[in-house]
Amino acid sequence: MSCPNHLTLYNGEQPYLSLWQDIVSSSRAKCFPAAHASAGFALYAFAYLPRLYRYKVKIIIAVSLLGWIMGLYKMMIGDHFFSHTLVSMWLSWAIVYAMALLFFRSVQVSPYNK
């Protein structure tokens, strides 16, 4: 998918194509997912280190803020759409959660889990 600043809609040189049109056309545009935000969101892995739930929540909030600050910066300069950052967050969380399930016997996602 093309970056917003590359689209003719935003004074760029490339036409807007939907995701499926972009795949069929085999364009060389590489703007999805948001890599800078993904790097910030990858730090969700640290949420599985502490045993106390309140520390996990603090880490999740801090990582979310960091990832969204990085994503919003890239959106403001025209490198990504909102959806790129949102999907990056979801993918990062899903991958980290799957890895935690794989490597840890019991993954506590709630203070009510025993």
PDB file of N, CA and C in Angstrom:
ATOM      1  N   MET A   1       0.840  -1.176   0.000  1.00  0.00           N
ATOM      2  CA  MET A   1       0.000   0.000   0.000  1.00  0.00           C
ATOM      3  C   MET A   1       0.885   1.238   0.000  1.00  0.00           C
ATOM      4  N   SER A   2       0.453   2.254  -0.700  1.00  0.00           N
ATOM      5  CA  SER A   2       1.233   3.488  -0.803  1.00  0.00           C
ATOM      6  C   SER A   2       1.102   4.344   0.446  1.00  0.00           C
ATOM      7  N   CYS A   3       2.137   5.122   0.693  1.00  0.00           N
ATOM      8  CA  CYS A   3       2.104   6.081   1.793  1.00  0.00           C
ATOM      9  C   CYS A   3       1.218   7.255   1.387  1.00  0.00           C
ATOM     10  N   PRO A   4       0.591   7.921   2.345  1.00  0.00           N
ATOM     11  CA  PRO A   4      -0.265   9.059   2.003  1.00  0.00           C
ATOM     12  C   PRO A   4       0.465  10.153   1.212  1.00  0.00           C
ATOM     13  N   ASN A   5       1.718  10.436   1.568  1.00  0.00           N
ATOM     14  CA  ASN A   5       2.429  11.505   0.873  1.00  0.00           C
ATOM     15  C   ASN A   5       2.861  11.120  -0.540  1.00  0.00           C
ATOM     16  N   HIS A   6       2.641   9.863  -0.950  1.00  0.00           N
ATOM     17  CA  HIS A   6       2.938   9.439  -2.316  1.00  0.00           C
ATOM     18  C   HIS A   6       1.710   9.449  -3.221  1.00  0.00           C
ATOM     19  N   LEU A   7       0.532   9.666  -2.646  1.00  0.00           N
ATOM     20  CA  LEU A   7      -0.717   9.603  -3.407  1.00  0.00           C
ATOM     21  C   LEU A   7      -1.032  10.937  -4.072  1.00  0.00           C
ATOM     22  N   THR A   8      -1.633  10.875  -5.259  1.00  0.00           N
ATOM     23  CA  THR A   8      -2.023  12.095  -5.973  1.00  0.00           C
ATOM     24  C   THR A   8      -3.050  12.894  -5.172  1.00  0.00           C
ATOM     25  N   LEU A   9      -3.829  12.210  -4.371  1.00  0.00           N
ATOM     26  CA  LEU A   9      -4.807  12.859  -3.516  1.00  0.00           C
ATOM     27  C   LEU A   9      -4.146  13.856  -2.556  1.00  0.00           C
ATOM     28  N   TYR A  10      -2.906  13.577  -2.177  1.00  0.00           N
ATOM     29  CA  TYR A  10      -2.151  14.437  -1.257  1.00  0.00           C
ATOM     30  C   TYR A  10      -0.903  15.008  -1.931  1.00  0.00           C
ATOM     31  N   ASN A  11      -1.028  15.347  -3.205  1.00  0.00           N
ATOM     32  CA  ASN A  11       0.038  15.969  -3.999  1.00  0.00           C
ATOM     33  C   ASN A  11       1.232  15.043  -4.236  1.00  0.00           C
ATOM     34  N   GLY A  12       0.989  13.746  -4.270  1.00  0.00           N
ATOM     35  CA  GLY A  12       2.042  12.793  -4.598  1.00  0.00           C
ATOM     36  C   GLY A  12       1.971  12.408  -6.062  1.00  0.00           C
ATOM     37  N   GLU A  13       2.589  11.297  -6.424  1.00  0.00           N
ATOM     38  CA  GLU A  13       2.657  10.884  -7.819  1.00  0.00           C
ATOM     39  C   GLU A  13       1.891   9.602  -8.126  1.00  0.00           C
ATOM     40  N   GLN A  14       1.455   8.852  -7.107  1.00  0.00           N
ATOM     41  CA  GLN A  14       0.810   7.568  -7.346  1.00  0.00           C
ATOM     42  C   GLN A  14      -0.699   7.670  -7.130  1.00  0.00           C
ATOM     43  N   PRO A  15      -1.476   6.916  -7.913  1.00  0.00           N
ATOM     44  CA  PRO A  15      -2.923   6.923  -7.721  1.00  0.00           C
ATOM     45  C   PRO A  15      -3.299   6.104  -6.486  1.00  0.00           C
ATOM     46  N   TYR A  16      -4.446   6.423  -5.898  1.00  0.00           N
ATOM     47  CA  TYR A  16      -4.921   5.641  -4.761  1.00  0.00           C
ATOM     48  C   TYR A  16      -5.457   4.305  -5.253  1.00  0.00           C
ATOM     49  N   LEU A  17      -4.996   3.234  -4.643  1.00  0.00           N
ATOM     50  CA  LEU A  17      -5.468   1.884  -4.936  1.00  0.00           C
ATOM     51  C   LEU A  17      -5.882   1.234  -3.625  1.00  0.00           C
ATOM     52  N   SER A  18      -6.965   0.484  -3.662  1.00  0.00           N
ATOM     53  CA  SER A  18      -7.341  -0.255  -2.461  1.00  0.00           C
ATOM     54  C   SER A  18      -6.296  -1.339  -2.222  1.00  0.00           C
ATOM     55  N   LEU A  19      -6.382  -1.984  -1.085  1.00  0.00           N
ATOM     56  CA  LEU A  19      -5.402  -3.015  -0.753  1.00  0.00           C
ATOM     57  C   LEU A  19      -5.389  -4.119  -1.801  1.00  0.00           C
ATOM     58  N   TRP A  20      -6.575  -4.558  -2.215  1.00  0.00           N
ATOM     59  CA  TRP A  20      -6.647  -5.640  -3.206  1.00  0.00           C
ATOM     60  C   TRP A  20      -6.165  -5.181  -4.576  1.00  0.00           C
ATOM     61  N   GLN A  21      -6.496  -3.952  -4.966  1.00  0.00           N
ATOM     62  CA  GLN A  21      -5.999  -3.428  -6.245  1.00  0.00           C
ATOM     63  C   GLN A  21      -4.480  -3.319  -6.210  1.00  0.00           C
ATOM     64  N   ASP A  22      -3.941  -2.935  -5.061  1.00  0.00           N
ATOM     65  CA  ASP A  22      -2.500  -2.800  -4.911  1.00  0.00           C
ATOM     66  C   ASP A  22      -1.815  -4.164  -5.046  1.00  0.00           C
ATOM     67  N   ILE A  23      -2.418  -5.195  -4.487  1.00  0.00           N
ATOM     68  CA  ILE A  23      -1.848  -6.545  -4.581  1.00  0.00           C
ATOM     69  C   ILE A  23      -1.874  -7.035  -6.028  1.00  0.00           C
ATOM     70  N   VAL A  24      -3.008  -6.826  -6.714  1.00  0.00           N
ATOM     71  CA  VAL A  24      -3.147  -7.279  -8.097  1.00  0.00           C
ATOM     72  C   VAL A  24      -2.194  -6.529  -9.021  1.00  0.00           C
ATOM     73  N   SER A  25      -2.012  -5.249  -8.782  1.00  0.00           N
ATOM     74  CA  SER A  25      -1.151  -4.449  -9.660  1.00  0.00           C
ATOM     75  C   SER A  25       0.332  -4.698  -9.410  1.00  0.00           C
ATOM     76  N   SER A  26       0.661  -5.401  -8.353  1.00  0.00           N
ATOM     77  CA  SER A  26       2.061  -5.697  -8.002  1.00  0.00           C
ATOM     78  C   SER A  26       2.894  -4.432  -7.883  1.00  0.00           C
ATOM     79  N   SER A  27       2.331  -3.406  -7.277  1.00  0.00           N
ATOM     80  CA  SER A  27       3.097  -2.165  -7.111  1.00  0.00           C
ATOM     81  C   SER A  27       4.205  -2.387  -6.090  1.00  0.00           C
ATOM     82  N   ARG A  28       5.211  -1.572  -6.174  1.00  0.00           N
ATOM     83  CA  ARG A  28       6.361  -1.706  -5.300  1.00  0.00           C
ATOM     84  C   ARG A  28       6.222  -0.848  -4.050  1.00  0.00           C
ATOM     85  N   ALA A  29       5.046  -0.302  -3.805  1.00  0.00           N
ATOM     86  CA  ALA A  29       4.824   0.530  -2.632  1.00  0.00           C
ATOM     87  C   ALA A  29       4.904  -0.311  -1.375  1.00  0.00           C
ATOM     88  N   LYS A  30       5.659   0.156  -0.414  1.00  0.00           N
ATOM     89  CA  LYS A  30       5.846  -0.566   0.847  1.00  0.00           C
ATOM     90  C   LYS A  30       5.628   0.394   2.009  1.00  0.00           C
ATOM     91  N   CYS A  31       4.385   0.551   2.407  1.00  0.00           N
ATOM     92  CA  CYS A  31       4.102   1.491   3.488  1.00  0.00           C
ATOM     93  C   CYS A  31       3.252   0.863   4.590  1.00  0.00           C
ATOM     94  N   PHE A  32       2.960  -0.417   4.473  1.00  0.00           N
ATOM     95  CA  PHE A  32       2.093  -1.057   5.449  1.00  0.00           C
ATOM     96  C   PHE A  32       2.742  -2.335   5.919  1.00  0.00           C
ATOM     97  N   PRO A  33       2.760  -2.636   7.182  1.00  0.00           N
ATOM     98  CA  PRO A  33       2.280  -1.910   8.352  1.00  0.00           C
ATOM     99  C   PRO A  33       3.281  -0.851   8.794  1.00  0.00           C
ATOM    100  N   ALA A  34       2.926  -0.109   9.809  1.00  0.00           N
ATOM    101  CA  ALA A  34       3.758   0.993  10.299  1.00  0.00           C
ATOM    102  C   ALA A  34       4.930   0.436  11.116  1.00  0.00           C
ATOM    103  N   ALA A  35       6.109   0.477  10.549  1.00  0.00           N
ATOM    104  CA  ALA A  35       7.276  -0.146  11.188  1.00  0.00           C
ATOM    105  C   ALA A  35       7.729   0.595  12.438  1.00  0.00           C
ATOM    106  N   HIS A  36       7.732   1.916  12.418  1.00  0.00           N
ATOM    107  CA  HIS A  36       8.159   2.660  13.605  1.00  0.00           C
ATOM    108  C   HIS A  36       7.232   2.369  14.783  1.00  0.00           C
ATOM    109  N   ALA A  37       5.947   2.400  14.536  1.00  0.00           N
ATOM    110  CA  ALA A  37       4.988   2.111  15.601  1.00  0.00           C
ATOM    111  C   ALA A  37       5.115   0.656  16.042  1.00  0.00           C
ATOM    112  N   SER A  38       5.360  -0.252  15.117  1.00  0.00           N
ATOM    113  CA  SER A  38       5.524  -1.666  15.463  1.00  0.00           C
ATOM    114  C   SER A  38       6.702  -1.870  16.401  1.00  0.00           C
ATOM    115  N   ALA A  39       7.758  -1.110  16.183  1.00  0.00           N
ATOM    116  CA  ALA A  39       8.914  -1.206  17.071  1.00  0.00           C
ATOM    117  C   ALA A  39       8.537  -0.800  18.487  1.00  0.00           C
ATOM    118  N   GLY A  40       7.736   0.240  18.618  1.00  0.00           N
ATOM    119  CA  GLY A  40       7.268   0.651  19.942  1.00  0.00           C
ATOM    120  C   GLY A  40       6.325  -0.372  20.539  1.00  0.00           C
ATOM    121  N   PHE A  41       5.383  -0.871  19.740  1.00  0.00           N
ATOM    122  CA  PHE A  41       4.404  -1.828  20.238  1.00  0.00           C
ATOM    123  C   PHE A  41       5.029  -3.184  20.560  1.00  0.00           C
ATOM    124  N   ALA A  42       6.153  -3.507  19.966  1.00  0.00           N
ATOM    125  CA  ALA A  42       6.817  -4.777  20.250  1.00  0.00           C
ATOM    126  C   ALA A  42       7.251  -4.859  21.708  1.00  0.00           C
ATOM    127  N   LEU A  43       7.358  -3.728  22.352  1.00  0.00           N
ATOM    128  CA  LEU A  43       7.741  -3.712  23.758  1.00  0.00           C
ATOM    129  C   LEU A  43       6.640  -4.246  24.668  1.00  0.00           C
ATOM    130  N   TYR A  44       5.480  -4.604  24.090  1.00  0.00           N
ATOM    131  CA  TYR A  44       4.435  -5.262  24.880  1.00  0.00           C
ATOM    132  C   TYR A  44       4.978  -6.534  25.535  1.00  0.00           C
ATOM    133  N   ALA A  45       6.010  -7.095  24.976  1.00  0.00           N
ATOM    134  CA  ALA A  45       6.593  -8.315  25.527  1.00  0.00           C
ATOM    135  C   ALA A  45       7.028  -8.108  26.976  1.00  0.00           C
ATOM    136  N   PHE A  46       7.425  -6.902  27.324  1.00  0.00           N
ATOM    137  CA  PHE A  46       7.854  -6.633  28.693  1.00  0.00           C
ATOM    138  C   PHE A  46       6.701  -6.711  29.688  1.00  0.00           C
ATOM    139  N   ALA A  47       5.479  -6.686  29.222  1.00  0.00           N
ATOM    140  CA  ALA A  47       4.329  -6.771  30.122  1.00  0.00           C
ATOM    141  C   ALA A  47       4.210  -8.152  30.757  1.00  0.00           C
ATOM    142  N   TYR A  48       4.872  -9.146  30.196  1.00  0.00           N
ATOM    143  CA  TYR A  48       4.794 -10.497  30.747  1.00  0.00           C
ATOM    144  C   TYR A  48       5.931 -10.790  31.717  1.00  0.00           C
ATOM    145  N   LEU A  49       6.812  -9.850  31.962  1.00  0.00           N
ATOM    146  CA  LEU A  49       7.919 -10.081  32.891  1.00  0.00           C
ATOM    147  C   LEU A  49       7.509  -9.949  34.360  1.00  0.00           C
ATOM    148  N   PRO A  50       6.858  -8.864  34.767  1.00  0.00           N
ATOM    149  CA  PRO A  50       6.528  -8.758  36.200  1.00  0.00           C
ATOM    150  C   PRO A  50       5.391  -9.700  36.594  1.00  0.00           C
ATOM    151  N   ARG A  51       5.391 -10.105  37.848  1.00  0.00           N
ATOM    152  CA  ARG A  51       4.340 -10.983  38.338  1.00  0.00           C
ATOM    153  C   ARG A  51       3.123 -10.199  38.817  1.00  0.00           C
ATOM    154  N   LEU A  52       3.325  -8.992  39.302  1.00  0.00           N
ATOM    155  CA  LEU A  52       2.206  -8.208  39.820  1.00  0.00           C
ATOM    156  C   LEU A  52       1.435  -7.547  38.688  1.00  0.00           C
ATOM    157  N   TYR A  53       0.130  -7.680  38.746  1.00  0.00           N
ATOM    158  CA  TYR A  53      -0.757  -7.186  37.693  1.00  0.00           C
ATOM    159  C   TYR A  53      -0.640  -5.675  37.503  1.00  0.00           C
ATOM    160  N   ARG A  54      -0.502  -4.922  38.595  1.00  0.00           N
ATOM    161  CA  ARG A  54      -0.457  -3.456  38.459  1.00  0.00           C
ATOM    162  C   ARG A  54       0.768  -3.003  37.662  1.00  0.00           C
ATOM    163  N   TYR A  55       1.873  -3.737  37.763  1.00  0.00           N
ATOM    164  CA  TYR A  55       3.052  -3.399  36.976  1.00  0.00           C
ATOM    165  C   TYR A  55       2.841  -3.746  35.507  1.00  0.00           C
ATOM    166  N   LYS A  56       2.134  -4.830  35.271  1.00  0.00           N
ATOM    167  CA  LYS A  56       1.819  -5.200  33.890  1.00  0.00           C
ATOM    168  C   LYS A  56       0.979  -4.118  33.228  1.00  0.00           C
ATOM    169  N   VAL A  57      -0.010  -3.618  33.959  1.00  0.00           N
ATOM    170  CA  VAL A  57      -0.879  -2.570  33.414  1.00  0.00           C
ATOM    171  C   VAL A  57      -0.072  -1.312  33.125  1.00  0.00           C
ATOM    172  N   LYS A  58       0.824  -0.956  34.019  1.00  0.00           N
ATOM    173  CA  LYS A  58       1.661   0.236  33.799  1.00  0.00           C
ATOM    174  C   LYS A  58       2.533   0.073  32.556  1.00  0.00           C
ATOM    175  N   ILE A  59       3.080  -1.103  32.369  1.00  0.00           N
ATOM    176  CA  ILE A  59       3.912  -1.357  31.187  1.00  0.00           C
ATOM    177  C   ILE A  59       3.061  -1.287  29.928  1.00  0.00           C
ATOM    178  N   ILE A  60       1.884  -1.872  29.949  1.00  0.00           N
ATOM    179  CA  ILE A  60       1.008  -1.851  28.773  1.00  0.00           C
ATOM    180  C   ILE A  60       0.618  -0.422  28.415  1.00  0.00           C
ATOM    181  N   ILE A  61       0.306   0.383  29.417  1.00  0.00           N
ATOM    182  CA  ILE A  61      -0.052   1.789  29.159  1.00  0.00           C
ATOM    183  C   ILE A  61       1.139   2.546  28.586  1.00  0.00           C
ATOM    184  N   ALA A  62       2.320   2.364  29.180  1.00  0.00           N
ATOM    185  CA  ALA A  62       3.513   3.070  28.706  1.00  0.00           C
ATOM    186  C   ALA A  62       3.866   2.664  27.273  1.00  0.00           C
ATOM    187  N   VAL A  63       3.803   1.375  26.983  1.00  0.00           N
ATOM    188  CA  VAL A  63       4.121   0.887  25.639  1.00  0.00           C
ATOM    189  C   VAL A  63       3.096   1.387  24.631  1.00  0.00           C
ATOM    190  N   SER A  64       1.825   1.384  25.011  1.00  0.00           N
ATOM    191  CA  SER A  64       0.781   1.891  24.111  1.00  0.00           C
ATOM    192  C   SER A  64       1.015   3.356  23.789  1.00  0.00           C
ATOM    193  N   LEU A  65       1.338   4.145  24.819  1.00  0.00           N
ATOM    194  CA  LEU A  65       1.624   5.560  24.582  1.00  0.00           C
ATOM    195  C   LEU A  65       2.828   5.744  23.667  1.00  0.00           C
ATOM    196  N   LEU A  66       3.879   4.992  23.917  1.00  0.00           N
ATOM    197  CA  LEU A  66       5.080   5.097  23.080  1.00  0.00           C
ATOM    198  C   LEU A  66       4.773   4.737  21.631  1.00  0.00           C
ATOM    199  N   GLY A  67       4.086   3.626  21.427  1.00  0.00           N
ATOM    200  CA  GLY A  67       3.753   3.199  20.063  1.00  0.00           C
ATOM    201  C   GLY A  67       2.867   4.204  19.348  1.00  0.00           C
ATOM    202  N   TRP A  68       1.869   4.740  20.061  1.00  0.00           N
ATOM    203  CA  TRP A  68       0.972   5.713  19.427  1.00  0.00           C
ATOM    204  C   TRP A  68       1.651   7.051  19.187  1.00  0.00           C
ATOM    205  N   ILE A  69       2.570   7.447  20.058  1.00  0.00           N
ATOM    206  CA  ILE A  69       3.321   8.686  19.799  1.00  0.00           C
ATOM    207  C   ILE A  69       4.146   8.525  18.528  1.00  0.00           C
ATOM    208  N   MET A  70       4.810   7.389  18.396  1.00  0.00           N
ATOM    209  CA  MET A  70       5.602   7.140  17.185  1.00  0.00           C
ATOM    210  C   MET A  70       4.698   7.062  15.956  1.00  0.00           C
ATOM    211  N   GLY A  71       3.551   6.391  16.096  1.00  0.00           N
ATOM    212  CA  GLY A  71       2.619   6.271  14.977  1.00  0.00           C
ATOM    213  C   GLY A  71       2.008   7.609  14.583  1.00  0.00           C
ATOM    214  N   LEU A  72       1.624   8.408  15.575  1.00  0.00           N
ATOM    215  CA  LEU A  72       1.033   9.723  15.287  1.00  0.00           C
ATOM    216  C   LEU A  72       2.040  10.651  14.613  1.00  0.00           C
ATOM    217  N   TYR A  73       3.295  10.563  15.033  1.00  0.00           N
ATOM    218  CA  TYR A  73       4.328  11.370  14.382  1.00  0.00           C
ATOM    219  C   TYR A  73       4.427  11.016  12.899  1.00  0.00           C
ATOM    220  N   LYS A  74       4.457   9.706  12.596  1.00  0.00           N
ATOM    221  CA  LYS A  74       4.561   9.292  11.205  1.00  0.00           C
ATOM    222  C   LYS A  74       3.302   9.643  10.405  1.00  0.00           C
ATOM    223  N   MET A  75       2.134   9.649  11.078  1.00  0.00           N
ATOM    224  CA  MET A  75       0.906  10.078  10.404  1.00  0.00           C
ATOM    225  C   MET A  75       0.957  11.574  10.096  1.00  0.00           C
ATOM    226  N   MET A  76       1.477  12.353  11.036  1.00  0.00           N
ATOM    227  CA  MET A  76       1.529  13.809  10.834  1.00  0.00           C
ATOM    228  C   MET A  76       2.440  14.205   9.689  1.00  0.00           C
ATOM    229  N   ILE A  77       3.506  13.456   9.445  1.00  0.00           N
ATOM    230  CA  ILE A  77       4.400  13.802   8.341  1.00  0.00           C
ATOM    231  C   ILE A  77       3.996  13.116   7.044  1.00  0.00           C
ATOM    232  N   GLY A  78       2.884  12.357   7.086  1.00  0.00           N
ATOM    233  CA  GLY A  78       2.335  11.772   5.864  1.00  0.00           C
ATOM    234  C   GLY A  78       2.876  10.414   5.474  1.00  0.00           C
ATOM    235  N   ASP A  79       3.515   9.724   6.415  1.00  0.00           N
ATOM    236  CA  ASP A  79       4.077   8.422   6.074  1.00  0.00           C
ATOM    237  C   ASP A  79       3.112   7.260   6.272  1.00  0.00           C
ATOM    238  N   HIS A  80       2.069   7.449   7.076  1.00  0.00           N
ATOM    239  CA  HIS A  80       1.138   6.350   7.338  1.00  0.00           C
ATOM    240  C   HIS A  80      -0.278   6.861   7.535  1.00  0.00           C
ATOM    241  N   PHE A  81      -1.226   5.956   7.301  1.00  0.00           N
ATOM    242  CA  PHE A  81      -2.614   6.202   7.645  1.00  0.00           C
ATOM    243  C   PHE A  81      -2.851   5.700   9.068  1.00  0.00           C
ATOM    244  N   PHE A  82      -3.958   6.123   9.676  1.00  0.00           N
ATOM    245  CA  PHE A  82      -4.326   5.677  11.020  1.00  0.00           C
ATOM    246  C   PHE A  82      -4.432   4.148  11.071  1.00  0.00           C
ATOM    247  N   SER A  83      -5.014   3.569  10.049  1.00  0.00           N
ATOM    248  CA  SER A  83      -5.207   2.114  10.031  1.00  0.00           C
ATOM    249  C   SER A  83      -3.887   1.359  10.074  1.00  0.00           C
ATOM    250  N   HIS A  84      -2.833   1.915   9.510  1.00  0.00           N
ATOM    251  CA  HIS A  84      -1.530   1.261   9.534  1.00  0.00           C
ATOM    252  C   HIS A  84      -1.046   1.103  10.970  1.00  0.00           C
ATOM    253  N   THR A  85      -1.197   2.161  11.763  1.00  0.00           N
ATOM    254  CA  THR A  85      -0.759   2.118  13.151  1.00  0.00           C
ATOM    255  C   THR A  85      -1.660   1.207  13.979  1.00  0.00           C
ATOM    256  N   LEU A  86      -2.945   1.279  13.733  1.00  0.00           N
ATOM    257  CA  LEU A  86      -3.890   0.451  14.480  1.00  0.00           C
ATOM    258  C   LEU A  86      -3.638  -1.037  14.232  1.00  0.00           C
ATOM    259  N   VAL A  87      -3.461  -1.414  12.979  1.00  0.00           N
ATOM    260  CA  VAL A  87      -3.192  -2.823  12.656  1.00  0.00           C
ATOM    261  C   VAL A  87      -1.834  -3.240  13.201  1.00  0.00           C
ATOM    262  N   SER A  88      -0.867  -2.345  13.196  1.00  0.00           N
ATOM    263  CA  SER A  88       0.445  -2.655  13.773  1.00  0.00           C
ATOM    264  C   SER A  88       0.320  -2.964  15.255  1.00  0.00           C
ATOM    265  N   MET A  89      -0.515  -2.196  15.955  1.00  0.00           N
ATOM    266  CA  MET A  89      -0.727  -2.440  17.377  1.00  0.00           C
ATOM    267  C   MET A  89      -1.379  -3.809  17.589  1.00  0.00           C
ATOM    268  N   TRP A  90      -2.419  -4.106  16.823  1.00  0.00           N
ATOM    269  CA  TRP A  90      -3.109  -5.393  16.958  1.00  0.00           C
ATOM    270  C   TRP A  90      -2.181  -6.562  16.651  1.00  0.00           C
ATOM    271  N   LEU A  91      -1.407  -6.445  15.582  1.00  0.00           N
ATOM    272  CA  LEU A  91      -0.479  -7.514  15.223  1.00  0.00           C
ATOM    273  C   LEU A  91       0.588  -7.718  16.301  1.00  0.00           C
ATOM    274  N   SER A  92       1.128  -6.617  16.802  1.00  0.00           N
ATOM    275  CA  SER A  92       2.152  -6.716  17.842  1.00  0.00           C
ATOM    276  C   SER A  92       1.598  -7.397  19.081  1.00  0.00           C
ATOM    277  N   TRP A  93       0.405  -6.976  19.490  1.00  0.00           N
ATOM    278  CA  TRP A  93      -0.196  -7.568  20.681  1.00  0.00           C
ATOM    279  C   TRP A  93      -0.479  -9.057  20.457  1.00  0.00           C
ATOM    280  N   ALA A  94      -0.990  -9.417  19.310  1.00  0.00           N
ATOM    281  CA  ALA A  94      -1.302 -10.817  19.017  1.00  0.00           C
ATOM    282  C   ALA A  94      -0.042 -11.678  18.986  1.00  0.00           C
ATOM    283  N   ILE A  95       1.019 -11.181  18.381  1.00  0.00           N
ATOM    284  CA  ILE A  95       2.264 -11.941  18.296  1.00  0.00           C
ATOM    285  C   ILE A  95       2.883 -12.105  19.677  1.00  0.00           C
ATOM    286  N   VAL A  96       2.896 -11.031  20.460  1.00  0.00           N
ATOM    287  CA  VAL A  96       3.455 -11.104  21.808  1.00  0.00           C
ATOM    288  C   VAL A  96       2.631 -12.056  22.666  1.00  0.00           C
ATOM    289  N   TYR A  97       1.318 -11.993  22.561  1.00  0.00           N
ATOM    290  CA  TYR A  97       0.460 -12.873  23.350  1.00  0.00           C
ATOM    291  C   TYR A  97       0.664 -14.340  22.946  1.00  0.00           C
ATOM    292  N   ALA A  98       0.766 -14.598  21.651  1.00  0.00           N
ATOM    293  CA  ALA A  98       1.002 -15.966  21.183  1.00  0.00           C
ATOM    294  C   ALA A  98       2.354 -16.489  21.675  1.00  0.00           C
ATOM    295  N   MET A  99       3.362 -15.643  21.656  1.00  0.00           N
ATOM    296  CA  MET A  99       4.677 -16.051  22.154  1.00  0.00           C
ATOM    297  C   MET A  99       4.631 -16.316  23.656  1.00  0.00           C
ATOM    298  N   ALA A 100       3.888 -15.494  24.387  1.00  0.00           N
ATOM    299  CA  ALA A 100       3.762 -15.708  25.825  1.00  0.00           C
ATOM    300  C   ALA A 100       3.046 -17.020  26.117  1.00  0.00           C
ATOM    301  N   LEU A 101       2.020 -17.327  25.346  1.00  0.00           N
ATOM    302  CA  LEU A 101       1.327 -18.605  25.526  1.00  0.00           C
ATOM    303  C   LEU A 101       2.253 -19.780  25.230  1.00  0.00           C
ATOM    304  N   LEU A 102       3.121 -19.597  24.267  1.00  0.00           N
ATOM    305  CA  LEU A 102       4.043 -20.657  23.871  1.00  0.00           C
ATOM    306  C   LEU A 102       5.137 -20.891  24.915  1.00  0.00           C
ATOM    307  N   PHE A 103       5.674 -19.805  25.491  1.00  0.00           N
ATOM    308  CA  PHE A 103       6.834 -19.926  26.362  1.00  0.00           C
ATOM    309  C   PHE A 103       6.528 -19.959  27.850  1.00  0.00           C
ATOM    310  N   PHE A 104       5.393 -19.437  28.263  1.00  0.00           N
ATOM    311  CA  PHE A 104       5.051 -19.429  29.680  1.00  0.00           C
ATOM    312  C   PHE A 104       3.914 -20.404  29.930  1.00  0.00           C
ATOM    313  N   ARG A 105       3.965 -21.088  31.062  1.00  0.00           N
ATOM    314  CA  ARG A 105       2.929 -22.070  31.379  1.00  0.00           C
ATOM    315  C   ARG A 105       1.568 -21.419  31.568  1.00  0.00           C
ATOM    316  N   SER A 106       1.517 -20.382  32.363  1.00  0.00           N
ATOM    317  CA  SER A 106       0.231 -19.702  32.585  1.00  0.00           C
ATOM    318  C   SER A 106       0.420 -18.220  32.338  1.00  0.00           C
ATOM    319  N   VAL A 107      -0.324 -17.718  31.387  1.00  0.00           N
ATOM    320  CA  VAL A 107      -0.259 -16.301  31.056  1.00  0.00           C
ATOM    321  C   VAL A 107      -1.403 -15.615  31.771  1.00  0.00           C
ATOM    322  N   GLN A 108      -1.068 -14.692  32.659  1.00  0.00           N
ATOM    323  CA  GLN A 108      -2.097 -13.976  33.400  1.00  0.00           C
ATOM    324  C   GLN A 108      -2.428 -12.704  32.650  1.00  0.00           C
ATOM    325  N   VAL A 109      -3.664 -12.627  32.167  1.00  0.00           N
ATOM    326  CA  VAL A 109      -4.112 -11.450  31.437  1.00  0.00           C
ATOM    327  C   VAL A 109      -5.089 -10.634  32.259  1.00  0.00           C
ATOM    328  N   SER A 110      -5.454 -11.136  33.396  1.00  0.00           N
ATOM    329  CA  SER A 110      -6.434 -10.458  34.235  1.00  0.00           C
ATOM    330  C   SER A 110      -6.056 -10.682  35.692  1.00  0.00           C
ATOM    331  N   PRO A 111      -6.371  -9.736  36.571  1.00  0.00           N
ATOM    332  CA  PRO A 111      -6.059  -9.951  37.977  1.00  0.00           C
ATOM    333  C   PRO A 111      -6.940 -11.042  38.596  1.00  0.00           C
ATOM    334  N   TYR A 112      -7.960 -11.463  37.873  1.00  0.00           N
ATOM    335  CA  TYR A 112      -8.897 -12.456  38.398  1.00  0.00           C
ATOM    336  C   TYR A 112      -8.538 -13.871  37.992  1.00  0.00           C
ATOM    337  N   ASN A 113      -7.542 -14.028  37.113  1.00  0.00           N
ATOM    338  CA  ASN A 113      -7.089 -15.372  36.737  1.00  0.00           C
ATOM    339  C   ASN A 113      -6.336 -15.999  37.903  1.00  0.00           C
ATOM    340  N   LYS A 114      -6.507 -17.270  38.079  1.00  0.00           N
ATOM    341  CA  LYS A 114      -5.779 -17.950  39.164  1.00  0.00           C
ATOM    342  C   LYS A 114      -4.872 -19.003  38.572  1.00  0.00           C
TER     343      LYS A 114
END
